[in-house]
């Protein structure tokens, strides 16, 4: 069916951008958008991202934050050692 519709400029830009991204026609994007809108569907809505907690099975008295701090200190020291070795090699 042919019909004439006046679209707001921002709506036209959104439809043209979607057509270009999807490499489809303006007509197809418009029809899909109208269908989704009338059905109340969201466009390409991804399922929510869920993070599941896992038990760490740490012995009592071990602080996970302390382990993170220790790891950070070791990483910094490794960086400083490599930096110092590179400076010594450059001399």
Protein backbone atom coordinates (compact mmCIF):
# COMPACT_ATOMS: atom_id res chain seq x y z
CA UNK A 1 0.00 0.00 0.00
CA UNK A 2 1.29 3.44 -0.86
CA UNK A 3 0.69 6.35 1.42
CA UNK A 4 2.23 9.73 2.09
CA UNK A 5 3.57 10.42 5.56
CA UNK A 6 5.40 13.49 6.78
CA UNK A 7 8.25 12.46 9.09
CA UNK A 8 10.02 14.74 11.50
CA UNK A 9 13.62 15.39 10.46
CA UNK A 10 15.09 13.53 13.44
CA UNK A 11 12.92 10.47 12.74
CA UNK A 12 14.02 10.44 9.11
CA UNK A 13 17.67 10.62 10.17
CA UNK A 14 17.21 7.73 12.60
CA UNK A 15 15.52 5.61 9.94
CA UNK A 16 18.17 6.37 7.31
CA UNK A 17 20.97 5.59 9.79
CA UNK A 18 19.30 2.28 10.71
CA UNK A 19 18.89 1.40 7.03
CA UNK A 20 22.55 2.14 6.37
CA UNK A 21 23.73 0.16 9.42
CA UNK A 22 21.57 -2.82 8.50
CA UNK A 23 22.25 -2.45 4.77
CA UNK A 24 18.52 -2.61 4.12
CA UNK A 25 16.06 -0.30 2.45
CA UNK A 26 14.48 2.72 4.07
CA UNK A 27 11.08 1.13 3.42
CA UNK A 28 12.01 -2.09 5.22
CA UNK A 29 13.39 -0.24 8.25
CA UNK A 30 10.30 1.97 8.42
CA UNK A 31 7.94 -1.03 8.22
CA UNK A 32 9.87 -2.91 10.93
CA UNK A 33 9.93 0.15 13.20
CA UNK A 34 6.18 0.67 12.82
CA UNK A 35 5.48 -3.03 13.50
CA UNK A 36 7.66 -3.04 16.62
CA UNK A 37 6.12 0.20 17.82
CA UNK A 38 2.57 -1.03 17.39
CA UNK A 39 3.37 -4.35 19.07
CA UNK A 40 5.16 -2.57 21.91
CA UNK A 41 8.45 -4.36 21.27
CA UNK A 42 11.86 -2.87 21.93
CA UNK A 43 14.33 -2.76 19.06
CA UNK A 44 17.03 -5.44 19.24
CA UNK A 45 16.92 -5.60 23.01
CA UNK A 46 19.70 -7.84 24.28
CA UNK A 47 19.02 -10.05 27.28
CA UNK A 48 20.20 -8.54 30.57
CA UNK A 49 23.79 -9.26 31.56
CA UNK A 50 23.87 -11.35 34.72
CA UNK A 51 26.88 -11.82 36.99
CA UNK A 52 26.74 -14.91 39.14
CA UNK A 53 28.69 -14.90 42.39
CA UNK A 54 31.03 -17.82 42.96
CA UNK A 55 32.37 -18.96 46.30
CA UNK A 56 36.12 -18.31 46.67
CA UNK A 57 36.65 -21.06 49.27
CA UNK A 58 39.27 -19.01 51.12
CA UNK A 59 40.60 -20.15 54.45
CA UNK A 60 39.31 -18.18 57.38
CA UNK A 61 41.40 -15.14 58.15
CA UNK A 62 42.34 -14.48 54.49
CA UNK A 63 41.15 -11.08 53.35
CA UNK A 64 40.41 -10.91 49.58
CA UNK A 65 41.09 -7.15 49.61
CA UNK A 66 44.50 -7.84 51.13
CA UNK A 67 45.24 -10.32 48.33
CA UNK A 68 44.32 -7.68 45.77
CA UNK A 69 46.63 -5.17 47.47
CA UNK A 70 49.47 -7.71 47.49
CA UNK A 71 48.91 -8.44 43.79
CA UNK A 72 48.99 -4.72 43.02
CA UNK A 73 52.24 -4.27 44.96
CA UNK A 74 53.87 -7.21 43.16
CA UNK A 75 52.76 -5.87 39.78
CA UNK A 76 54.14 -2.41 40.57
CA UNK A 77 57.44 -3.89 41.73
CA UNK A 78 57.70 -5.99 38.56
CA UNK A 79 57.11 -2.87 36.45
CA UNK A 80 59.74 -0.90 38.37
CA UNK A 81 62.27 -3.74 38.01
CA UNK A 82 61.70 -3.93 34.23
CA UNK A 83 61.90 -0.13 33.94
CA UNK A 84 65.17 -0.06 35.86
CA UNK A 85 66.61 -2.87 33.70
CA UNK A 86 65.67 -1.00 30.51
CA UNK A 87 67.27 2.20 31.79
CA UNK A 88 70.44 0.31 32.74
CA UNK A 89 70.59 -1.34 29.31
CA UNK A 90 70.18 2.02 27.58
CA UNK A 91 73.26 3.49 29.33
